[in-house]
């Protein structure tokens, strides 16, 4: 169960330890609110092994927003710039976006000028975007039409 209007980021690869998961990609689970047709969520990121987040403020937050009325999914990063610059963006990739509660699928989906491929299941009202090729450490916007 996931509450409507929420976005949760998960690492889904099964590993023997969390140290082995550091570079694993994220899957975003977006549960659209049935009334507002929106969802938001925050992903906290740090180096996953030191206390630099406390001592030096070395961490970042990805603020995700999905708005089906205005037809976009976006990410805005709030981070200490030195930490973002020193962190590999490829280690914070989003591998899949699963949107639950989509009444009608879009006809197309674009990230900048790149068209994204997606699948939609009418029965479950779930839309899946595979391999959007975006990092949780970058600002981006996917436009639906």
Protein backbone atom coordinates (compact mmCIF):
# COMPACT_ATOMS: atom_id res chain seq x y z
CA UNK A 1 0.00 0.00 0.00
CA UNK A 2 1.16 3.53 -0.80
CA UNK A 3 -0.68 6.69 0.18
CA UNK A 4 -2.01 8.80 -2.68
CA UNK A 5 -0.12 11.99 -3.56
CA UNK A 6 3.24 10.42 -2.59
CA UNK A 7 6.44 9.55 -4.44
CA UNK A 8 8.81 6.94 -3.04
CA UNK A 9 12.27 6.13 -4.44
CA UNK A 10 13.48 2.55 -3.97
CA UNK A 11 16.53 0.51 -4.90
CA UNK A 12 15.16 -2.85 -6.00
CA UNK A 13 18.21 -5.01 -6.67
CA UNK A 14 18.67 -7.69 -4.03
CA UNK A 15 22.14 -7.57 -2.49
CA UNK A 16 23.88 -9.17 0.46
CA UNK A 17 24.75 -5.78 1.97
CA UNK A 18 23.87 -2.11 1.66
CA UNK A 19 27.49 -1.34 0.68
CA UNK A 20 26.91 -3.23 -2.55
CA UNK A 21 23.77 -1.16 -3.28
CA UNK A 22 25.51 2.23 -3.33
CA UNK A 23 25.55 2.53 -7.14
CA UNK A 24 22.25 0.74 -7.79
CA UNK A 25 19.62 2.75 -9.70
CA UNK A 26 16.35 3.96 -8.22
CA UNK A 27 12.79 3.14 -9.18
CA UNK A 28 10.27 5.91 -8.50
CA UNK A 29 6.82 4.81 -7.33
CA UNK A 30 4.33 7.61 -7.89
CA UNK A 31 0.85 7.29 -6.36
CA UNK A 32 -1.32 10.00 -7.90
CA UNK A 33 -3.94 11.59 -5.65
CA UNK A 34 -7.39 10.89 -7.10
CA UNK A 35 -8.64 14.45 -6.47
CA UNK A 36 -5.69 16.76 -7.16
CA UNK A 37 -3.99 14.46 -9.73
CA UNK A 38 -0.64 15.33 -8.09
CA UNK A 39 2.08 13.65 -6.05
CA UNK A 40 5.28 14.80 -4.34
CA UNK A 41 8.23 13.16 -2.65
CA UNK A 42 11.76 13.76 -1.42
CA UNK A 43 14.83 11.56 -1.78
CA UNK A 44 17.66 12.22 0.67
CA UNK A 45 21.12 11.31 -0.69
CA UNK A 46 24.59 11.27 0.84
CA UNK A 47 27.76 9.19 0.39
CA UNK A 48 26.13 6.32 2.35
CA UNK A 49 29.15 5.54 4.52
CA UNK A 50 30.56 8.59 6.37
CA UNK A 51 29.20 11.25 8.71
CA UNK A 52 30.03 14.05 6.26
CA UNK A 53 26.32 14.83 6.03
CA UNK A 54 26.51 15.98 9.68
CA UNK A 55 30.06 17.35 9.79
CA UNK A 56 30.27 19.07 6.39
CA UNK A 57 26.66 19.26 5.20
CA UNK A 58 27.53 16.95 2.30
CA UNK A 59 24.15 15.69 1.18
CA UNK A 60 21.46 16.41 -1.34
CA UNK A 61 17.70 16.22 -1.66
CA UNK A 62 15.83 15.41 -4.83
CA UNK A 63 12.33 16.92 -4.74
CA UNK A 64 10.06 15.05 -7.11
CA UNK A 65 6.70 16.32 -8.31
CA UNK A 66 4.13 14.74 -10.61
CA UNK A 67 1.21 16.82 -11.85
CA UNK A 68 -1.11 15.10 -14.30
CA UNK A 69 -3.37 18.16 -14.66
CA UNK A 70 -0.44 20.25 -15.93
CA UNK A 71 1.12 17.17 -17.54
CA UNK A 72 4.62 16.95 -16.10
CA UNK A 73 6.92 14.97 -13.81
CA UNK A 74 9.89 16.90 -12.47
CA UNK A 75 12.87 16.87 -10.15
CA UNK A 76 14.51 19.83 -8.44
CA UNK A 77 17.75 19.20 -6.58
CA UNK A 78 18.55 20.98 -3.33
CA UNK A 79 22.17 20.18 -2.52
CA UNK A 80 25.44 21.57 -1.35
CA UNK A 81 27.15 22.25 -4.68
CA UNK A 82 30.57 20.81 -3.78
CA UNK A 83 28.99 17.46 -2.83
CA UNK A 84 26.97 17.33 -6.06
CA UNK A 85 30.05 18.22 -8.12
CA UNK A 86 32.12 15.48 -6.47
CA UNK A 87 29.42 12.79 -6.74
CA UNK A 88 29.02 10.71 -9.88
CA UNK A 89 25.60 11.39 -11.34
CA UNK A 90 25.65 7.91 -12.85
CA UNK A 91 25.56 6.48 -9.32
CA UNK A 92 22.17 8.14 -8.69
CA UNK A 93 20.31 7.14 -11.85
CA UNK A 94 16.58 6.53 -12.10
CA UNK A 95 15.97 3.28 -13.90
CA UNK A 96 12.18 3.22 -13.94
CA UNK A 97 9.19 5.39 -13.06
CA UNK A 98 5.96 3.63 -12.08
CA UNK A 99 2.90 5.88 -11.92
CA UNK A 100 -0.22 4.48 -10.25
CA UNK A 101 -3.67 5.99 -10.67
CA UNK A 102 -3.37 7.21 -14.26
CA UNK A 103 -6.92 7.42 -15.67
CA UNK A 104 -5.90 8.06 -19.28
CA UNK A 105 -2.42 7.49 -20.70
CA UNK A 106 -0.60 10.31 -22.49
CA UNK A 107 -0.06 9.98 -26.21
CA UNK A 108 3.60 11.02 -25.99
CA UNK A 109 6.18 11.77 -23.34
CA UNK A 110 9.32 13.92 -23.75
CA UNK A 111 12.42 14.65 -21.72
CA UNK A 112 13.74 17.81 -23.38
CA UNK A 113 13.54 16.83 -27.06
CA UNK A 114 13.90 13.07 -26.48
CA UNK A 115 10.74 10.99 -26.76
CA UNK A 116 10.40 8.44 -23.95
CA UNK A 117 8.81 5.04 -24.37
CA UNK A 118 6.26 3.85 -21.85
CA UNK A 119 3.70 1.13 -21.26
CA UNK A 120 0.22 1.47 -19.80
CA UNK A 121 -2.10 -1.10 -18.24
CA UNK A 122 -5.74 0.09 -18.44
CA UNK A 123 -7.00 -2.45 -15.94
CA UNK A 124 -4.61 -1.48 -13.15
CA UNK A 125 -4.22 2.18 -14.31
CA UNK A 126 -0.45 1.92 -14.07
CA UNK A 127 1.95 3.68 -16.43
CA UNK A 128 5.60 2.57 -16.53
CA UNK A 129 8.47 4.59 -17.99
CA UNK A 130 11.53 2.40 -18.51
CA UNK A 131 15.04 3.82 -18.79
CA UNK A 132 14.30 7.55 -18.67
CA UNK A 133 18.08 8.04 -18.35
CA UNK A 134 17.88 10.78 -15.71
CA UNK A 135 19.86 11.30 -12.53
CA UNK A 136 18.37 12.11 -9.14
CA UNK A 137 21.20 14.70 -8.88
CA UNK A 138 20.01 16.69 -11.91
CA UNK A 139 17.06 19.02 -12.38
CA UNK A 140 14.79 17.64 -15.11
CA UNK A 141 11.22 17.67 -16.36
CA UNK A 142 9.30 15.05 -18.31
CA UNK A 143 6.41 16.54 -20.29
CA UNK A 144 3.30 14.49 -21.04
CA UNK A 145 0.97 15.22 -23.93
